[in-house]
């Protein structure tokens, strides 16, 4: 699955968790692709605009970051701390 398809899955994850897509940003770190081409890992940042919580996910070209994101969404890691 290429990154474009993973972005579609990212949007679906948000929607399936009752979250608004516009409340989140997916940022590809500027060096992510360069590192991937060199055989390493890059990173993606998911930022919740409402809470201000941003989490970096290692990106190795697979969908493993989506599995971690799904877990973080389920565990409320993007919510404001009370």
PDB file of N, CA and C in Angstrom:
ATOM      1  N   UNK A   1       0.847  -1.166   0.000  1.00  0.00           N
ATOM      2  CA  UNK A   1       0.000   0.000   0.000  1.00  0.00           C
ATOM      3  C   UNK A   1       0.900   1.238   0.000  1.00  0.00           C
ATOM      4  N   UNK A   2       0.705   2.106  -0.985  1.00  0.00           N
ATOM      5  CA  UNK A   2       1.550   3.300  -1.041  1.00  0.00           C
ATOM      6  C   UNK A   2       1.038   4.369  -0.073  1.00  0.00           C
ATOM      7  N   UNK A   3       1.803   5.431   0.065  1.00  0.00           N
ATOM      8  CA  UNK A   3       1.476   6.461   1.045  1.00  0.00           C
ATOM      9  C   UNK A   3       0.127   7.109   0.746  1.00  0.00           C
ATOM     10  N   UNK A   4      -0.200   7.282  -0.517  1.00  0.00           N
ATOM     11  CA  UNK A   4      -1.489   7.872  -0.873  1.00  0.00           C
ATOM     12  C   UNK A   4      -2.641   7.021  -0.343  1.00  0.00           C
ATOM     13  N   UNK A   5      -2.539   5.718  -0.495  1.00  0.00           N
ATOM     14  CA  UNK A   5      -3.572   4.816   0.022  1.00  0.00           C
ATOM     15  C   UNK A   5      -3.593   4.830   1.555  1.00  0.00           C
ATOM     16  N   UNK A   6      -2.426   5.001   2.150  1.00  0.00           N
ATOM     17  CA  UNK A   6      -2.354   5.068   3.608  1.00  0.00           C
ATOM     18  C   UNK A   6      -3.016   6.340   4.132  1.00  0.00           C
ATOM     19  N   UNK A   7      -2.907   7.428   3.380  1.00  0.00           N
ATOM     20  CA  UNK A   7      -3.573   8.671   3.777  1.00  0.00           C
ATOM     21  C   UNK A   7      -5.090   8.477   3.738  1.00  0.00           C
ATOM     22  N   UNK A   8      -5.581   7.763   2.759  1.00  0.00           N
ATOM     23  CA  UNK A   8      -7.016   7.465   2.688  1.00  0.00           C
ATOM     24  C   UNK A   8      -7.427   6.646   3.907  1.00  0.00           C
ATOM     25  N   UNK A   9      -6.620   5.670   4.277  1.00  0.00           N
ATOM     26  CA  UNK A   9      -6.911   4.854   5.453  1.00  0.00           C
ATOM     27  C   UNK A   9      -6.838   5.703   6.733  1.00  0.00           C
ATOM     28  N   UNK A  10      -5.906   6.653   6.791  1.00  0.00           N
ATOM     29  CA  UNK A  10      -5.799   7.593   7.909  1.00  0.00           C
ATOM     30  C   UNK A  10      -7.112   8.351   8.076  1.00  0.00           C
ATOM     31  N   UNK A  11      -7.645   8.865   6.991  1.00  0.00           N
ATOM     32  CA  UNK A  11      -8.910   9.610   7.031  1.00  0.00           C
ATOM     33  C   UNK A  11     -10.055   8.710   7.499  1.00  0.00           C
ATOM     34  N   UNK A  12     -10.072   7.475   7.018  1.00  0.00           N
ATOM     35  CA  UNK A  12     -11.111   6.530   7.414  1.00  0.00           C
ATOM     36  C   UNK A  12     -11.027   6.197   8.902  1.00  0.00           C
ATOM     37  N   UNK A  13      -9.803   6.058   9.421  1.00  0.00           N
ATOM     38  CA  UNK A  13      -9.613   5.808  10.855  1.00  0.00           C
ATOM     39  C   UNK A  13     -10.218   6.935  11.688  1.00  0.00           C
ATOM     40  N   UNK A  14      -9.962   8.163  11.284  1.00  0.00           N
ATOM     41  CA  UNK A  14     -10.515   9.307  12.005  1.00  0.00           C
ATOM     42  C   UNK A  14     -12.037   9.275  11.965  1.00  0.00           C
ATOM     43  N   UNK A  15     -12.590   9.079  10.785  1.00  0.00           N
ATOM     44  CA  UNK A  15     -14.042   9.049  10.630  1.00  0.00           C
ATOM     45  C   UNK A  15     -14.662   7.910  11.434  1.00  0.00           C
ATOM     46  N   UNK A  16     -14.057   6.736  11.409  1.00  0.00           N
ATOM     47  CA  UNK A  16     -14.583   5.581  12.136  1.00  0.00           C
ATOM     48  C   UNK A  16     -14.548   5.774  13.648  1.00  0.00           C
ATOM     49  N   UNK A  17     -13.700   6.712  14.109  1.00  0.00           N
ATOM     50  CA  UNK A  17     -13.621   7.024  15.534  1.00  0.00           C
ATOM     51  C   UNK A  17     -14.448   8.258  15.882  1.00  0.00           C
ATOM     52  N   UNK A  18     -15.289   8.709  14.947  1.00  0.00           N
ATOM     53  CA  UNK A  18     -16.165   9.846  15.190  1.00  0.00           C
ATOM     54  C   UNK A  18     -15.437  11.177  15.255  1.00  0.00           C
ATOM     55  N   UNK A  19     -14.268  11.250  14.630  1.00  0.00           N
ATOM     56  CA  UNK A  19     -13.465  12.467  14.658  1.00  0.00           C
ATOM     57  C   UNK A  19     -13.574  13.198  13.330  1.00  0.00           C
ATOM     58  N   UNK A  20     -13.393  14.496  13.379  1.00  0.00           N
ATOM     59  CA  UNK A  20     -13.442  15.306  12.171  1.00  0.00           C
ATOM     60  C   UNK A  20     -12.062  15.372  11.526  1.00  0.00           C
ATOM     61  N   UNK A  21     -12.026  15.118  10.251  1.00  0.00           N
ATOM     62  CA  UNK A  21     -10.766  15.132   9.510  1.00  0.00           C
ATOM     63  C   UNK A  21     -10.094  16.497   9.623  1.00  0.00           C
ATOM     64  N   UNK A  22     -10.888  17.560   9.582  1.00  0.00           N
ATOM     65  CA  UNK A  22     -10.328  18.907   9.631  1.00  0.00           C
ATOM     66  C   UNK A  22      -9.685  19.249  10.976  1.00  0.00           C
ATOM     67  N   UNK A  23      -9.923  18.429  11.993  1.00  0.00           N
ATOM     68  CA  UNK A  23      -9.307  18.652  13.302  1.00  0.00           C
ATOM     69  C   UNK A  23      -7.901  18.058  13.387  1.00  0.00           C
ATOM     70  N   UNK A  24      -7.467  17.374  12.328  1.00  0.00           N
ATOM     71  CA  UNK A  24      -6.167  16.700  12.341  1.00  0.00           C
ATOM     72  C   UNK A  24      -5.313  17.109  11.151  1.00  0.00           C
ATOM     73  N   UNK A  25      -4.014  17.054  11.362  1.00  0.00           N
ATOM     74  CA  UNK A  25      -3.030  17.269  10.301  1.00  0.00           C
ATOM     75  C   UNK A  25      -2.125  16.043  10.250  1.00  0.00           C
ATOM     76  N   UNK A  26      -1.756  15.667   9.059  1.00  0.00           N
ATOM     77  CA  UNK A  26      -0.755  14.624   8.862  1.00  0.00           C
ATOM     78  C   UNK A  26       0.426  15.287   8.190  1.00  0.00           C
ATOM     79  N   UNK A  27       1.541  15.345   8.901  1.00  0.00           N
ATOM     80  CA  UNK A  27       2.730  16.014   8.394  1.00  0.00           C
ATOM     81  C   UNK A  27       3.825  14.995   8.121  1.00  0.00           C
ATOM     82  N   UNK A  28       4.326  15.012   6.910  1.00  0.00           N
ATOM     83  CA  UNK A  28       5.456  14.165   6.554  1.00  0.00           C
ATOM     84  C   UNK A  28       6.707  14.962   6.873  1.00  0.00           C
ATOM     85  N   UNK A  29       7.524  14.421   7.741  1.00  0.00           N
ATOM     86  CA  UNK A  29       8.765  15.112   8.086  1.00  0.00           C
ATOM     87  C   UNK A  29       9.589  15.308   6.815  1.00  0.00           C
ATOM     88  N   UNK A  30      10.209  16.442   6.683  1.00  0.00           N
ATOM     89  CA  UNK A  30      10.882  16.808   5.433  1.00  0.00           C
ATOM     90  C   UNK A  30      11.927  15.798   4.993  1.00  0.00           C
ATOM     91  N   UNK A  31      12.528  15.099   5.939  1.00  0.00           N
ATOM     92  CA  UNK A  31      13.576  14.148   5.584  1.00  0.00           C
ATOM     93  C   UNK A  31      13.071  12.712   5.444  1.00  0.00           C
ATOM     94  N   UNK A  32      11.765  12.502   5.602  1.00  0.00           N
ATOM     95  CA  UNK A  32      11.217  11.144   5.612  1.00  0.00           C
ATOM     96  C   UNK A  32      11.514  10.390   4.318  1.00  0.00           C
ATOM     97  N   UNK A  33      11.254  11.014   3.180  1.00  0.00           N
ATOM     98  CA  UNK A  33      11.456  10.312   1.918  1.00  0.00           C
ATOM     99  C   UNK A  33      12.932  10.084   1.635  1.00  0.00           C
ATOM    100  N   UNK A  34      13.759  11.049   1.984  1.00  0.00           N
ATOM    101  CA  UNK A  34      15.197  10.894   1.781  1.00  0.00           C
ATOM    102  C   UNK A  34      15.713   9.719   2.611  1.00  0.00           C
ATOM    103  N   UNK A  35      15.256   9.624   3.843  1.00  0.00           N
ATOM    104  CA  UNK A  35      15.684   8.519   4.702  1.00  0.00           C
ATOM    105  C   UNK A  35      15.179   7.176   4.175  1.00  0.00           C
ATOM    106  N   UNK A  36      13.931   7.147   3.681  1.00  0.00           N
ATOM    107  CA  UNK A  36      13.392   5.912   3.123  1.00  0.00           C
ATOM    108  C   UNK A  36      14.188   5.454   1.912  1.00  0.00           C
ATOM    109  N   UNK A  37      14.538   6.392   1.044  1.00  0.00           N
ATOM    110  CA  UNK A  37      15.313   6.048  -0.143  1.00  0.00           C
ATOM    111  C   UNK A  37      16.693   5.513   0.219  1.00  0.00           C
ATOM    112  N   UNK A  38      17.203   5.952   1.355  1.00  0.00           N
ATOM    113  CA  UNK A  38      18.518   5.492   1.810  1.00  0.00           C
ATOM    114  C   UNK A  38      18.407   4.171   2.587  1.00  0.00           C
ATOM    115  N   UNK A  39      17.176   3.627   2.688  1.00  0.00           N
ATOM    116  CA  UNK A  39      16.979   2.355   3.368  1.00  0.00           C
ATOM    117  C   UNK A  39      16.648   2.482   4.840  1.00  0.00           C
ATOM    118  N   UNK A  40      16.450   3.680   5.304  1.00  0.00           N
ATOM    119  CA  UNK A  40      16.111   3.888   6.713  1.00  0.00           C
ATOM    120  C   UNK A  40      14.630   4.148   6.901  1.00  0.00           C
ATOM    121  N   UNK A  41      14.315   4.731   8.051  1.00  0.00           N
ATOM    122  CA  UNK A  41      12.934   5.081   8.359  1.00  0.00           C
ATOM    123  C   UNK A  41      12.785   6.587   8.382  1.00  0.00           C
ATOM    124  N   UNK A  42      11.610   7.041   8.023  1.00  0.00           N
ATOM    125  CA  UNK A  42      11.250   8.439   8.168  1.00  0.00           C
ATOM    126  C   UNK A  42      10.262   8.550   9.313  1.00  0.00           C
ATOM    127  N   UNK A  43       9.617   9.676   9.413  1.00  0.00           N
ATOM    128  CA  UNK A  43       8.589   9.801  10.434  1.00  0.00           C
ATOM    129  C   UNK A  43       7.462  10.683   9.937  1.00  0.00           C
ATOM    130  N   UNK A  44       6.286  10.390  10.462  1.00  0.00           N
ATOM    131  CA  UNK A  44       5.085  11.154  10.170  1.00  0.00           C
ATOM    132  C   UNK A  44       4.591  11.719  11.480  1.00  0.00           C
ATOM    133  N   UNK A  45       4.065  12.925  11.433  1.00  0.00           N
ATOM    134  CA  UNK A  45       3.502  13.532  12.636  1.00  0.00           C
ATOM    135  C   UNK A  45       2.001  13.673  12.438  1.00  0.00           C
ATOM    136  N   UNK A  46       1.250  13.216  13.427  1.00  0.00           N
ATOM    137  CA  UNK A  46      -0.191  13.431  13.441  1.00  0.00           C
ATOM    138  C   UNK A  46      -0.451  14.463  14.525  1.00  0.00           C
ATOM    139  N   UNK A  47      -1.100  15.550  14.122  1.00  0.00           N
ATOM    140  CA  UNK A  47      -1.360  16.658  15.021  1.00  0.00           C
ATOM    141  C   UNK A  47      -2.866  16.874  15.136  1.00  0.00           C
ATOM    142  N   UNK A  48      -3.362  16.908  16.369  1.00  0.00           N
ATOM    143  CA  UNK A  48      -4.764  17.238  16.608  1.00  0.00           C
ATOM    144  C   UNK A  48      -4.846  18.734  16.873  1.00  0.00           C
ATOM    145  N   UNK A  49      -5.498  19.447  15.993  1.00  0.00           N
ATOM    146  CA  UNK A  49      -5.585  20.906  16.128  1.00  0.00           C
ATOM    147  C   UNK A  49      -6.383  21.311  17.364  1.00  0.00           C
ATOM    148  N   UNK A  50      -7.416  20.541  17.720  1.00  0.00           N
ATOM    149  CA  UNK A  50      -8.269  20.908  18.859  1.00  0.00           C
ATOM    150  C   UNK A  50      -7.534  20.795  20.190  1.00  0.00           C
ATOM    151  N   UNK A  51      -6.781  19.734  20.361  1.00  0.00           N
ATOM    152  CA  UNK A  51      -6.119  19.507  21.649  1.00  0.00           C
ATOM    153  C   UNK A  51      -4.674  19.992  21.658  1.00  0.00           C
ATOM    154  N   UNK A  52      -4.096  20.157  20.469  1.00  0.00           N
ATOM    155  CA  UNK A  52      -2.697  20.542  20.391  1.00  0.00           C
ATOM    156  C   UNK A  52      -1.739  19.376  20.558  1.00  0.00           C
ATOM    157  N   UNK A  53      -2.264  18.169  20.699  1.00  0.00           N
ATOM    158  CA  UNK A  53      -1.429  16.983  20.873  1.00  0.00           C
ATOM    159  C   UNK A  53      -0.874  16.567  19.510  1.00  0.00           C
ATOM    160  N   UNK A  54       0.435  16.346  19.458  1.00  0.00           N
ATOM    161  CA  UNK A  54       1.100  15.879  18.240  1.00  0.00           C
ATOM    162  C   UNK A  54       1.922  14.646  18.598  1.00  0.00           C
ATOM    163  N   UNK A  55       1.791  13.610  17.777  1.00  0.00           N
ATOM    164  CA  UNK A  55       2.526  12.366  18.007  1.00  0.00           C
ATOM    165  C   UNK A  55       3.270  12.003  16.727  1.00  0.00           C
ATOM    166  N   UNK A  56       4.556  11.680  16.879  1.00  0.00           N
ATOM    167  CA  UNK A  56       5.375  11.228  15.754  1.00  0.00           C
ATOM    168  C   UNK A  56       5.292   9.714  15.646  1.00  0.00           C
ATOM    169  N   UNK A  57       5.180   9.232  14.426  1.00  0.00           N
ATOM    170  CA  UNK A  57       5.147   7.801  14.143  1.00  0.00           C
ATOM    171  C   UNK A  57       6.282   7.461  13.186  1.00  0.00           C
ATOM    172  N   UNK A  58       7.030   6.428  13.519  1.00  0.00           N
ATOM    173  CA  UNK A  58       8.074   5.955  12.610  1.00  0.00           C
ATOM    174  C   UNK A  58       7.399   5.464  11.336  1.00  0.00           C
ATOM    175  N   UNK A  59       7.981   5.813  10.207  1.00  0.00           N
ATOM    176  CA  UNK A  59       7.428   5.414   8.920  1.00  0.00           C
ATOM    177  C   UNK A  59       8.479   4.657   8.134  1.00  0.00           C
ATOM    178  N   UNK A  60       8.178   3.387   7.873  1.00  0.00           N
ATOM    179  CA  UNK A  60       9.116   2.547   7.136  1.00  0.00           C
ATOM    180  C   UNK A  60       8.556   2.108   5.784  1.00  0.00           C
ATOM    181  N   UNK A  61       7.494   2.774   5.359  1.00  0.00           N
ATOM    182  CA  UNK A  61       6.861   2.434   4.086  1.00  0.00           C
ATOM    183  C   UNK A  61       5.695   1.480   4.246  1.00  0.00           C
ATOM    184  N   UNK A  62       5.544   0.872   5.437  1.00  0.00           N
ATOM    185  CA  UNK A  62       4.434  -0.045   5.686  1.00  0.00           C
ATOM    186  C   UNK A  62       3.311   0.687   6.416  1.00  0.00           C
ATOM    187  N   UNK A  63       2.259  -0.036   6.705  1.00  0.00           N
ATOM    188  CA  UNK A  63       1.111   0.543   7.411  1.00  0.00           C
ATOM    189  C   UNK A  63       1.218   0.404   8.927  1.00  0.00           C
ATOM    190  N   UNK A  64       2.375   0.059   9.437  1.00  0.00           N
ATOM    191  CA  UNK A  64       2.513  -0.135  10.890  1.00  0.00           C
ATOM    192  C   UNK A  64       2.157   1.133  11.670  1.00  0.00           C
ATOM    193  N   UNK A  65       2.432   2.296  11.096  1.00  0.00           N
ATOM    194  CA  UNK A  65       2.094   3.546  11.788  1.00  0.00           C
ATOM    195  C   UNK A  65       0.588   3.693  11.959  1.00  0.00           C
ATOM    196  N   UNK A  66      -0.192   3.161  11.015  1.00  0.00           N
ATOM    197  CA  UNK A  66      -1.649   3.237  11.121  1.00  0.00           C
ATOM    198  C   UNK A  66      -2.165   2.366  12.261  1.00  0.00           C
ATOM    199  N   UNK A  67      -1.526   1.234  12.486  1.00  0.00           N
ATOM    200  CA  UNK A  67      -1.899   0.366  13.599  1.00  0.00           C
ATOM    201  C   UNK A  67      -1.641   1.078  14.925  1.00  0.00           C
ATOM    202  N   UNK A  68      -0.498   1.749  15.014  1.00  0.00           N
ATOM    203  CA  UNK A  68      -0.177   2.505  16.238  1.00  0.00           C
ATOM    204  C   UNK A  68      -1.126   3.687  16.411  1.00  0.00           C
ATOM    205  N   UNK A  69      -1.445   4.359  15.313  1.00  0.00           N
ATOM    206  CA  UNK A  69      -2.393   5.471  15.371  1.00  0.00           C
ATOM    207  C   UNK A  69      -3.759   4.984  15.846  1.00  0.00           C
ATOM    208  N   UNK A  70      -4.225   3.862  15.319  1.00  0.00           N
ATOM    209  CA  UNK A  70      -5.530   3.321  15.726  1.00  0.00           C
ATOM    210  C   UNK A  70      -5.552   3.058  17.228  1.00  0.00           C
ATOM    211  N   UNK A  71      -4.467   2.516  17.747  1.00  0.00           N
ATOM    212  CA  UNK A  71      -4.364   2.249  19.185  1.00  0.00           C
ATOM    213  C   UNK A  71      -4.387   3.558  19.972  1.00  0.00           C
ATOM    214  N   UNK A  72      -3.647   4.553  19.507  1.00  0.00           N
ATOM    215  CA  UNK A  72      -3.615   5.847  20.191  1.00  0.00           C
ATOM    216  C   UNK A  72      -4.985   6.522  20.178  1.00  0.00           C
ATOM    217  N   UNK A  73      -5.705   6.415  19.061  1.00  0.00           N
ATOM    218  CA  UNK A  73      -7.053   6.977  18.998  1.00  0.00           C
ATOM    219  C   UNK A  73      -7.973   6.270  19.981  1.00  0.00           C
ATOM    220  N   UNK A  74      -7.880   4.948  20.009  1.00  0.00           N
ATOM    221  CA  UNK A  74      -8.709   4.148  20.912  1.00  0.00           C
ATOM    222  C   UNK A  74      -8.426   4.482  22.375  1.00  0.00           C
ATOM    223  N   UNK A  75      -7.167   4.777  22.684  1.00  0.00           N
ATOM    224  CA  UNK A  75      -6.762   5.073  24.061  1.00  0.00           C
ATOM    225  C   UNK A  75      -6.869   6.547  24.418  1.00  0.00           C
ATOM    226  N   UNK A  76      -7.434   7.353  23.519  1.00  0.00           N
ATOM    227  CA  UNK A  76      -7.681   8.764  23.811  1.00  0.00           C
ATOM    228  C   UNK A  76      -6.445   9.635  23.906  1.00  0.00           C
ATOM    229  N   UNK A  77      -5.370   9.242  23.263  1.00  0.00           N
ATOM    230  CA  UNK A  77      -4.111   9.992  23.380  1.00  0.00           C
ATOM    231  C   UNK A  77      -4.141  11.371  22.728  1.00  0.00           C
ATOM    232  N   UNK A  78      -5.136  11.635  21.896  1.00  0.00           N
ATOM    233  CA  UNK A  78      -5.225  12.949  21.242  1.00  0.00           C
ATOM    234  C   UNK A  78      -6.184  13.885  21.954  1.00  0.00           C
ATOM    235  N   UNK A  79      -6.747  13.450  23.050  1.00  0.00           N
ATOM    236  CA  UNK A  79      -7.690  14.288  23.796  1.00  0.00           C
ATOM    237  C   UNK A  79      -6.934  15.222  24.732  1.00  0.00           C
ATOM    238  N   UNK A  80      -7.602  16.328  25.058  1.00  0.00           N
ATOM    239  CA  UNK A  80      -7.028  17.239  26.042  1.00  0.00           C
ATOM    240  C   UNK A  80      -6.921  16.554  27.380  1.00  0.00           C
ATOM    241  N   UNK A  81      -5.814  16.767  28.049  1.00  0.00           N
ATOM    242  CA  UNK A  81      -5.651  16.190  29.382  1.00  0.00           C
ATOM    243  C   UNK A  81      -6.465  17.025  30.365  1.00  0.00           C
ATOM    244  N   UNK A  82      -7.109  16.328  31.301  1.00  0.00           N
ATOM    245  CA  UNK A  82      -7.912  17.065  32.284  1.00  0.00           C
ATOM    246  C   UNK A  82      -7.186  17.285  33.580  1.00  0.00           C
TER     247      UNK A  82
END
